[in-house]
């Protein structure tokens, strides 16, 4: 549901406008009239004395629907007080929040938007929440901070142009941009991101998007707009996506800059990651870090991963694989500068295909080798910049139809005819070799 079709759903409301720059009036009108009117917040800065509570009845169809819109992401600025949330949702059904900024003060480590499972009737926070054109910024706090924390959201969407930024010095645990957490055995936390999501991190060990659970897995999350995550200060320990028990979900259309870790995956199943844009990891970074059993992970069409000169990048560190539900990494292109090192470490049960590395020698090659009459082998100089991980050979005669490669090295490999004896005439064998995956 969107603002454009609210009238079509039977929600015919008039607009109630908040007094400019009056935080008390904003709190009053949302909490006392927010389920009856469209609350329009004009351009200005609104300092809150308390959190803004959006509480539903935990019933469907919704008995309370909140429609709250500002004058623009950078024009309507809401400032929580030193100890409270900005907006808190409990059992809230149909919350439409748009076109505003939440500026978390340095003295406050509370989320700008908090979806509180609250132990309510449904154990949901935002059910069918609609967030668009939202900015949440926090910096310099001496407290822990999660800019947006959604416990048990359900069928929610983010669209439009959204901006999350956290930085500064923090307390016991580093800050997080967005945290999606499942604390309910009966919820799936399914949601959809469209439009533009920009997340900026500044400080060591921060996480841009964190998926966590204490009960059921997070099932059915789809990031299909464009997500840009940047750590311009290139700090150690930063993570773009931390996936824990995420299932049947997809992550598409993203760019990452100067993060230490791209996707960290634990106990995930049927996660599809594809259509990656420009990716520049921090020196010694890991793009795909697979720590525990993950099944049916499909990573495909990651268009340009860059490893700067003299830096190192681990493209894949896959510690645990599944023999039946194998993960696949396919069509990934890496550009690396002079003296850079790119490593790929797949598990034996992981299927790696067509990973191409440019700018430091040849990563794929093919040709024809001939086993001369009276011999059983031929040595091939492959010309690749590193030892090939995958070699295909195809004999052109019955005498070499069982041929296979062995003695594979950084400069050469040997093709053995297979079977007993030597060839009785010159026999050609077609070969293909690649540094990683299938040629």
Foldseek 3Di string as FASTA:
>chain_A
DDPVCCVVVVLDAAEDEFDAQEQVSVLCCCQPPQQHHQYEYEFHEHEHPAEREQEWQLDPPTPGAGHYEYPAAPGYEYEYDLEYEHYEFESHEHYEYEGYEYEYEQNHQEANYEQQLPPHPNSAGYEQYEYERYEFEYEAHQEEHAHHEGEHYHAYEYAYAYEWEYEHHYYDAHYEDYEYEYEDQPGQQAYEYAYEYEYEYEDAQYEHYEYYYDHAANEHYEYDHAYEYEHPVLHYNYEHYEHERYEHYEAEHYEYYNGQEYYEDDNYEQYEYEHADEYEYHFNHEHYHYDYEYFAYEYEHNDEYEAEALGEYEDADHDDADQPRAYEHEHAEYEYEHNYYYHYDHDPNHAYADYAYDDQWGFKAKDKDKFAAQGFKDKDFGRGQAWFPDKDKAWDDPQQRVWDWDPTGGGIIMIGSDDDGGHRHITMMIMMTGNIHYD
